[in-house]
Amino acid sequence: MIKLYGLRMSNYYSLTKALLIEKGLEFEEVKTPPSQEEGFLAKSPMGKMPAIEADGVYLSESLAIAHYLQNIQPDPALLPADSIPAAKVMELVCHLKLDVDLVARRLLPEVLFKQPVSEETKTSVKADLAKGMKAVGRLFVGEPYAAGEQFSLADLYTFYCFGFSSGMVRAIYDEDLLANYPNIQKVMDLIGQRPSVKQVETEKSTR
C-alpha cells in the first residue's frame, strides 16, 4: 500500500491525495510535518510536503508523484492520449506551479506565521503575479475543463494552486486574484464538486 507523508494543510499534499483517490489506489496517510531532520530528508530531499512511499521507495514532488501514479494506474487517464494535448496540459501545470503558486508563496510568512514581508516583496509579488496570470490566461481553455474537453491533471493543479494563491492575495492585498478570470473561477467551482476533491476538503477538518 502507498503511504502518503505530510499534513493536510498543504495544498500539494491535498492535491496528491485527490490524485490517489481519482486513481482508485489504496493509500495510508502518515501525518508528518515538513522537516530538515535526516529521517524526513530521506523521504523528501528538500524536506517539503508531500512525499510517498511505494514498494520501499520514497518519492517527492507532486509532479513526479503524479507521473508515477499515471504509470502504475493508467485509468482513469489524467493526461490526453495524444502527445501534443498531453504536453499542453503539462505546460499549463508548470505555469500554474511556477508563475502563480510559487510567486504567491513569497507572501506565506506574513499570512501564516505573522512574520511581515517587506513592502518591496509585496510590490514585486503583485507585479510577478500579474505576469503569471496573463501567462496562465493565454493557456487556459476552461471549456469545460482547464485544458479543454477532458478532465486532466491541470484541473487539480488549477484548484489547489489557486486555492492557495487566492488566499494569499486576499490576505495581503484584499483583492480577488480571479476577478478578471471568470473562466478559471468556473473551473474552480466545477472541480470543487468532484467526489475526490470534496472528500479531501471535508477530511481536512477531521484530523
C-alpha atoms as a PDB file:
ATOM      1  CA  MET A   1       0.000   0.000   0.000  1.00  0.00           C
ATOM      2  CA  ILE A   2       1.188   3.514  -0.796  1.00  0.00           C
ATOM      3  CA  LYS A   3       1.997   5.732   2.193  1.00  0.00           C
ATOM      4  CA  LEU A   4       1.365   9.469   1.871  1.00  0.00           C
ATOM      5  CA  TYR A   5       3.519  11.668   4.118  1.00  0.00           C
ATOM      6  CA  GLY A   6       2.710  15.267   5.003  1.00  0.00           C
ATOM      7  CA  LEU A   7      -0.021  17.405   6.509  1.00  0.00           C
ATOM      8  CA  ARG A   8      -3.489  18.109   5.181  1.00  0.00           C
ATOM      9  CA  MET A   9      -2.899  21.876   5.404  1.00  0.00           C
ATOM     10  CA  SER A  10      -0.517  21.642   2.410  1.00  0.00           C
ATOM     11  CA  ASN A  11      -2.150  22.292  -0.949  1.00  0.00           C
ATOM     12  CA  TYR A  12       0.222  19.882  -2.679  1.00  0.00           C
ATOM     13  CA  TYR A  13      -0.468  17.202  -0.082  1.00  0.00           C
ATOM     14  CA  SER A  14      -4.181  17.692  -0.743  1.00  0.00           C
ATOM     15  CA  LEU A  15      -3.610  17.592  -4.497  1.00  0.00           C
ATOM     16  CA  THR A  16      -1.665  14.330  -4.213  1.00  0.00           C
ATOM     17  CA  LYS A  17      -4.343  12.836  -2.011  1.00  0.00           C
ATOM     18  CA  ALA A  18      -7.001  13.786  -4.580  1.00  0.00           C
ATOM     19  CA  LEU A  19      -4.859  12.144  -7.272  1.00  0.00           C
ATOM     20  CA  LEU A  20      -4.689   8.909  -5.300  1.00  0.00           C
ATOM     21  CA  ILE A  21      -8.468   8.950  -4.848  1.00  0.00           C
ATOM     22  CA  GLU A  22      -9.049   9.718  -8.539  1.00  0.00           C
ATOM     23  CA  LYS A  23      -6.875   6.731  -9.426  1.00  0.00           C
ATOM     24  CA  GLY A  24      -8.734   4.449  -7.003  1.00  0.00           C
ATOM     25  CA  LEU A  25      -5.478   3.472  -5.283  1.00  0.00           C
ATOM     26  CA  GLU A  26      -5.284   2.326  -1.682  1.00  0.00           C
ATOM     27  CA  PHE A  27      -3.108   4.521   0.492  1.00  0.00           C
ATOM     28  CA  GLU A  28      -2.346   5.325   4.101  1.00  0.00           C
ATOM     29  CA  GLU A  29      -1.904   8.867   5.369  1.00  0.00           C
ATOM     30  CA  VAL A  30       1.073   9.361   7.672  1.00  0.00           C
ATOM     31  CA  LYS A  31       0.922  12.686   9.498  1.00  0.00           C
ATOM     32  CA  THR A  32       4.387  14.159   9.003  1.00  0.00           C
ATOM     33  CA  PRO A  33       5.311  17.858   9.232  1.00  0.00           C
ATOM     34  CA  PRO A  34       7.968  19.321   6.922  1.00  0.00           C
ATOM     35  CA  SER A  35      11.394  18.919   8.440  1.00  0.00           C
ATOM     36  CA  GLN A  36      15.103  19.279   7.840  1.00  0.00           C
ATOM     37  CA  GLU A  37      15.787  16.245  10.002  1.00  0.00           C
ATOM     38  CA  GLU A  38      17.594  13.420   8.262  1.00  0.00           C
ATOM     39  CA  GLY A  39      14.697  10.981   8.671  1.00  0.00           C
ATOM     40  CA  PHE A  40      12.357  13.150   6.620  1.00  0.00           C
ATOM     41  CA  LEU A  41      15.033  14.299   4.179  1.00  0.00           C
ATOM     42  CA  ALA A  42      15.416  10.648   3.205  1.00  0.00           C
ATOM     43  CA  LYS A  43      11.792  10.816   2.067  1.00  0.00           C
ATOM     44  CA  SER A  44      11.811  14.347   0.626  1.00  0.00           C
ATOM     45  CA  PRO A  45      15.278  15.797  -0.131  1.00  0.00           C
ATOM     46  CA  MET A  46      14.157  19.411   0.447  1.00  0.00           C
ATOM     47  CA  GLY A  47      12.103  18.498   3.500  1.00  0.00           C
ATOM     48  CA  LYS A  48       8.869  19.593   1.791  1.00  0.00           C
ATOM     49  CA  MET A  49       5.408  18.034   1.680  1.00  0.00           C
ATOM     50  CA  PRO A  50       4.240  15.696   0.322  1.00  0.00           C
ATOM     51  CA  ALA A  51       6.194  12.502  -0.156  1.00  0.00           C
ATOM     52  CA  ILE A  52       5.010   8.999  -0.845  1.00  0.00           C
ATOM     53  CA  GLU A  53       6.447   5.564  -0.173  1.00  0.00           C
ATOM     54  CA  ALA A  54       5.746   2.794  -2.677  1.00  0.00           C
ATOM     55  CA  ASP A  55       7.425  -0.607  -2.718  1.00  0.00           C
ATOM     56  CA  GLY A  56      10.003   0.626  -0.236  1.00  0.00           C
ATOM     57  CA  VAL A  57      10.974   3.619  -2.403  1.00  0.00           C
ATOM     58  CA  TYR A  58      10.355   7.257  -1.438  1.00  0.00           C
ATOM     59  CA  LEU A  59       9.243   9.841  -3.958  1.00  0.00           C
ATOM     60  CA  SER A  60       8.748  13.590  -3.518  1.00  0.00           C
ATOM     61  CA  GLU A  61       7.418  16.463  -5.664  1.00  0.00           C
ATOM     62  CA  SER A  62       3.795  16.352  -6.752  1.00  0.00           C
ATOM     63  CA  LEU A  63       4.536  16.220 -10.490  1.00  0.00           C
ATOM     64  CA  ALA A  64       6.897  13.263 -10.085  1.00  0.00           C
ATOM     65  CA  ILE A  65       4.304  11.526  -7.924  1.00  0.00           C
ATOM     66  CA  ALA A  66       1.586  12.230 -10.497  1.00  0.00           C
ATOM     67  CA  HIS A  67       3.790  10.763 -13.235  1.00  0.00           C
ATOM     68  CA  TYR A  68       4.332   7.625 -11.156  1.00  0.00           C
ATOM     69  CA  LEU A  69       0.639   7.223 -10.367  1.00  0.00           C
ATOM     70  CA  GLN A  70      -0.287   7.660 -14.024  1.00  0.00           C
ATOM     71  CA  ASN A  71       2.162   4.914 -14.972  1.00  0.00           C
ATOM     72  CA  ILE A  72       1.023   2.369 -12.396  1.00  0.00           C
ATOM     73  CA  GLN A  73      -2.677   3.144 -12.863  1.00  0.00           C
ATOM     74  CA  PRO A  74      -3.317   4.455 -16.395  1.00  0.00           C
ATOM     75  CA  ASP A  75      -7.107   4.575 -15.941  1.00  0.00           C
ATOM     76  CA  PRO A  76      -8.715   6.934 -15.419  1.00  0.00           C
ATOM     77  CA  ALA A  77      -6.251   8.897 -17.520  1.00  0.00           C
ATOM     78  CA  LEU A  78      -5.211  12.301 -16.226  1.00  0.00           C
ATOM     79  CA  LEU A  79      -3.382  13.189 -19.437  1.00  0.00           C
ATOM     80  CA  PRO A  80      -4.725  13.102 -23.004  1.00  0.00           C
ATOM     81  CA  ALA A  81      -3.596  10.164 -25.112  1.00  0.00           C
ATOM     82  CA  ASP A  82      -2.118  12.318 -27.882  1.00  0.00           C
ATOM     83  CA  SER A  83       1.313  13.805 -27.291  1.00  0.00           C
ATOM     84  CA  ILE A  84       0.620  17.461 -28.100  1.00  0.00           C
ATOM     85  CA  PRO A  85      -2.518  17.817 -25.927  1.00  0.00           C
ATOM     86  CA  ALA A  86      -0.694  15.971 -23.127  1.00  0.00           C
ATOM     87  CA  ALA A  87       2.243  18.368 -23.438  1.00  0.00           C
ATOM     88  CA  LYS A  88      -0.145  21.351 -23.323  1.00  0.00           C
ATOM     89  CA  VAL A  89      -1.589  20.027 -20.057  1.00  0.00           C
ATOM     90  CA  MET A  90       1.901  19.807 -18.581  1.00  0.00           C
ATOM     91  CA  GLU A  91       2.764  23.268 -19.907  1.00  0.00           C
ATOM     92  CA  LEU A  92      -0.249  24.719 -18.115  1.00  0.00           C
ATOM     93  CA  VAL A  93       0.612  22.834 -14.928  1.00  0.00           C
ATOM     94  CA  CYS A  94       4.146  24.248 -14.973  1.00  0.00           C
ATOM     95  CA  HIS A  95       2.887  27.813 -15.335  1.00  0.00           C
ATOM     96  CA  LEU A  96       0.384  27.304 -12.521  1.00  0.00           C
ATOM     97  CA  LYS A  97       3.124  26.000 -10.229  1.00  0.00           C
ATOM     98  CA  LEU A  98       5.952  28.341 -11.160  1.00  0.00           C
ATOM     99  CA  ASP A  99       4.256  31.593 -12.150  1.00  0.00           C
ATOM    100  CA  VAL A 100       1.306  31.650  -9.734  1.00  0.00           C
ATOM    101  CA  ASP A 101       1.708  29.331  -6.755  1.00  0.00           C
ATOM    102  CA  LEU A 102       5.454  29.789  -6.260  1.00  0.00           C
ATOM    103  CA  VAL A 103       5.153  33.569  -6.600  1.00  0.00           C
ATOM    104  CA  ALA A 104       2.278  33.829  -4.106  1.00  0.00           C
ATOM    105  CA  ARG A 105       4.247  31.598  -1.723  1.00  0.00           C
ATOM    106  CA  ARG A 106       6.596  34.522  -1.063  1.00  0.00           C
ATOM    107  CA  LEU A 107       3.736  36.048   0.971  1.00  0.00           C
ATOM    108  CA  LEU A 108       3.304  32.954   3.122  1.00  0.00           C
ATOM    109  CA  PRO A 109       5.499  34.057   6.092  1.00  0.00           C
ATOM    110  CA  GLU A 110       3.217  37.003   6.813  1.00  0.00           C
ATOM    111  CA  VAL A 111      -0.076  35.225   6.164  1.00  0.00           C
ATOM    112  CA  LEU A 112       0.587  32.018   8.086  1.00  0.00           C
ATOM    113  CA  PHE A 113       3.359  32.877  10.529  1.00  0.00           C
ATOM    114  CA  LYS A 114       2.781  36.593  11.202  1.00  0.00           C
ATOM    115  CA  GLN A 115       6.312  37.387  10.041  1.00  0.00           C
ATOM    116  CA  PRO A 116       5.921  40.585   7.991  1.00  0.00           C
ATOM    117  CA  VAL A 117       7.303  40.577   4.466  1.00  0.00           C
ATOM    118  CA  SER A 118       8.748  43.805   3.107  1.00  0.00           C
ATOM    119  CA  GLU A 119       6.810  46.285   1.019  1.00  0.00           C
ATOM    120  CA  GLU A 120       9.352  45.649  -1.723  1.00  0.00           C
ATOM    121  CA  THR A 121       8.438  41.960  -1.666  1.00  0.00           C
ATOM    122  CA  LYS A 122       4.738  42.739  -1.762  1.00  0.00           C
ATOM    123  CA  THR A 123       5.230  45.042  -4.741  1.00  0.00           C
ATOM    124  CA  SER A 124       7.334  42.527  -6.661  1.00  0.00           C
ATOM    125  CA  VAL A 125       4.927  39.676  -5.894  1.00  0.00           C
ATOM    126  CA  LYS A 126       1.996  41.712  -7.177  1.00  0.00           C
ATOM    127  CA  ALA A 127       3.829  42.517 -10.418  1.00  0.00           C
ATOM    128  CA  ASP A 128       5.031  38.946 -10.920  1.00  0.00           C
ATOM    129  CA  LEU A 129       1.573  37.549 -10.233  1.00  0.00           C
ATOM    130  CA  ALA A 130       0.066  39.857 -12.840  1.00  0.00           C
ATOM    131  CA  LYS A 131       2.520  38.471 -15.416  1.00  0.00           C
ATOM    132  CA  GLY A 132       1.893  34.911 -14.279  1.00  0.00           C
ATOM    133  CA  MET A 133      -1.864  35.324 -14.511  1.00  0.00           C
ATOM    134  CA  LYS A 134      -1.562  36.636 -18.066  1.00  0.00           C
ATOM    135  CA  ALA A 135       0.569  33.618 -18.988  1.00  0.00           C
ATOM    136  CA  VAL A 136      -1.927  31.193 -17.457  1.00  0.00           C
ATOM    137  CA  GLY A 137      -4.789  33.084 -19.077  1.00  0.00           C
ATOM    138  CA  ARG A 138      -3.249  32.573 -22.513  1.00  0.00           C
ATOM    139  CA  LEU A 139      -3.114  28.820 -21.993  1.00  0.00           C
ATOM    140  CA  PHE A 140      -6.311  28.271 -20.034  1.00  0.00           C
ATOM    141  CA  VAL A 141      -9.190  26.817 -22.048  1.00  0.00           C
ATOM    142  CA  GLY A 142     -11.968  26.359 -19.479  1.00  0.00           C
ATOM    143  CA  GLU A 143     -14.426  24.645 -21.839  1.00  0.00           C
ATOM    144  CA  PRO A 144     -15.356  22.911 -19.687  1.00  0.00           C
ATOM    145  CA  TYR A 145     -12.002  21.965 -18.116  1.00  0.00           C
ATOM    146  CA  ALA A 146      -8.722  23.790 -17.683  1.00  0.00           C
ATOM    147  CA  ALA A 147      -7.077  22.331 -20.795  1.00  0.00           C
ATOM    148  CA  GLY A 148     -10.183  21.542 -22.855  1.00  0.00           C
ATOM    149  CA  GLU A 149     -12.810  18.830 -23.039  1.00  0.00           C
ATOM    150  CA  GLN A 150     -11.055  16.242 -20.856  1.00  0.00           C
ATOM    151  CA  PHE A 151     -10.583  16.349 -17.078  1.00  0.00           C
ATOM    152  CA  SER A 152      -6.845  16.306 -16.521  1.00  0.00           C
ATOM    153  CA  LEU A 153      -4.017  16.909 -14.121  1.00  0.00           C
ATOM    154  CA  ALA A 154      -4.281  20.608 -14.983  1.00  0.00           C
ATOM    155  CA  ASP A 155      -7.674  20.788 -13.286  1.00  0.00           C
ATOM    156  CA  LEU A 156      -6.358  19.559  -9.949  1.00  0.00           C
ATOM    157  CA  TYR A 157      -3.438  21.975 -10.162  1.00  0.00           C
ATOM    158  CA  THR A 158      -5.865  24.763 -11.013  1.00  0.00           C
ATOM    159  CA  PHE A 159      -7.957  24.009  -7.946  1.00  0.00           C
ATOM    160  CA  TYR A 160      -5.116  23.616  -5.485  1.00  0.00           C
ATOM    161  CA  CYS A 161      -2.750  26.278  -6.821  1.00  0.00           C
ATOM    162  CA  PHE A 162      -5.457  28.931  -6.949  1.00  0.00           C
ATOM    163  CA  GLY A 163      -6.954  27.767  -3.668  1.00  0.00           C
ATOM    164  CA  PHE A 164      -3.623  28.652  -2.077  1.00  0.00           C
ATOM    165  CA  SER A 165      -2.598  31.702  -4.089  1.00  0.00           C
ATOM    166  CA  SER A 166      -6.038  33.347  -3.972  1.00  0.00           C
ATOM    167  CA  GLY A 167      -5.945  33.133  -0.184  1.00  0.00           C
ATOM    168  CA  MET A 168      -2.515  34.779  -0.085  1.00  0.00           C
ATOM    169  CA  VAL A 169      -3.649  37.603  -2.361  1.00  0.00           C
ATOM    170  CA  ARG A 170      -6.850  38.180  -0.421  1.00  0.00           C
ATOM    171  CA  ALA A 171      -4.995  38.311   2.896  1.00  0.00           C
ATOM    172  CA  ILE A 172      -2.262  40.717   1.774  1.00  0.00           C
ATOM    173  CA  TYR A 173      -3.895  42.912  -0.870  1.00  0.00           C
ATOM    174  CA  ASP A 174      -7.613  42.411  -0.127  1.00  0.00           C
ATOM    175  CA  GLU A 175      -8.115  41.583  -3.792  1.00  0.00           C
ATOM    176  CA  ASP A 176      -9.651  38.727  -5.775  1.00  0.00           C
ATOM    177  CA  LEU A 177      -6.930  37.111  -7.881  1.00  0.00           C
ATOM    178  CA  LEU A 178      -9.549  35.632 -10.230  1.00  0.00           C
ATOM    179  CA  ALA A 179     -11.713  38.737 -10.584  1.00  0.00           C
ATOM    180  CA  ASN A 180     -10.745  39.140 -14.252  1.00  0.00           C
ATOM    181  CA  TYR A 181     -10.672  35.419 -14.990  1.00  0.00           C
ATOM    182  CA  PRO A 182     -14.236  34.079 -14.794  1.00  0.00           C
ATOM    183  CA  ASN A 183     -13.280  31.029 -16.876  1.00  0.00           C
ATOM    184  CA  ILE A 184     -10.790  29.976 -14.210  1.00  0.00           C
ATOM    185  CA  GLN A 185     -13.312  30.562 -11.443  1.00  0.00           C
ATOM    186  CA  LYS A 186     -15.829  28.445 -13.350  1.00  0.00           C
ATOM    187  CA  VAL A 187     -13.365  25.549 -13.469  1.00  0.00           C
ATOM    188  CA  MET A 188     -12.581  26.023  -9.770  1.00  0.00           C
ATOM    189  CA  ASP A 189     -16.291  25.671  -8.977  1.00  0.00           C
ATOM    190  CA  LEU A 190     -16.605  22.623 -11.226  1.00  0.00           C
ATOM    191  CA  ILE A 191     -13.598  20.796  -9.762  1.00  0.00           C
ATOM    192  CA  GLY A 192     -14.740  21.614  -6.251  1.00  0.00           C
ATOM    193  CA  GLN A 193     -17.715  19.323  -6.863  1.00  0.00           C
ATOM    194  CA  ARG A 194     -15.664  16.276  -7.836  1.00  0.00           C
ATOM    195  CA  PRO A 195     -16.004  13.450  -5.276  1.00  0.00           C
ATOM    196  CA  SER A 196     -12.231  13.200  -4.822  1.00  0.00           C
ATOM    197  CA  VAL A 197     -11.850  16.898  -4.066  1.00  0.00           C
ATOM    198  CA  LYS A 198     -14.937  17.021  -1.854  1.00  0.00           C
ATOM    199  CA  GLN A 199     -13.546  14.105   0.176  1.00  0.00           C
ATOM    200  CA  VAL A 200     -10.139  15.765   0.553  1.00  0.00           C
ATOM    201  CA  GLU A 201     -11.632  19.098   1.572  1.00  0.00           C
ATOM    202  CA  THR A 202     -14.089  17.519   4.011  1.00  0.00           C
ATOM    203  CA  GLU A 203     -11.432  15.415   5.693  1.00  0.00           C
ATOM    204  CA  LYS A 204      -9.154  18.415   6.295  1.00  0.00           C
ATOM    205  CA  SER A 205     -11.229  19.283   9.343  1.00  0.00           C
ATOM    206  CA  THR A 206     -11.307  15.783  10.798  1.00  0.00           C
ATOM    207  CA  ARG A 207      -7.659  15.471  11.788  1.00  0.00           C
END
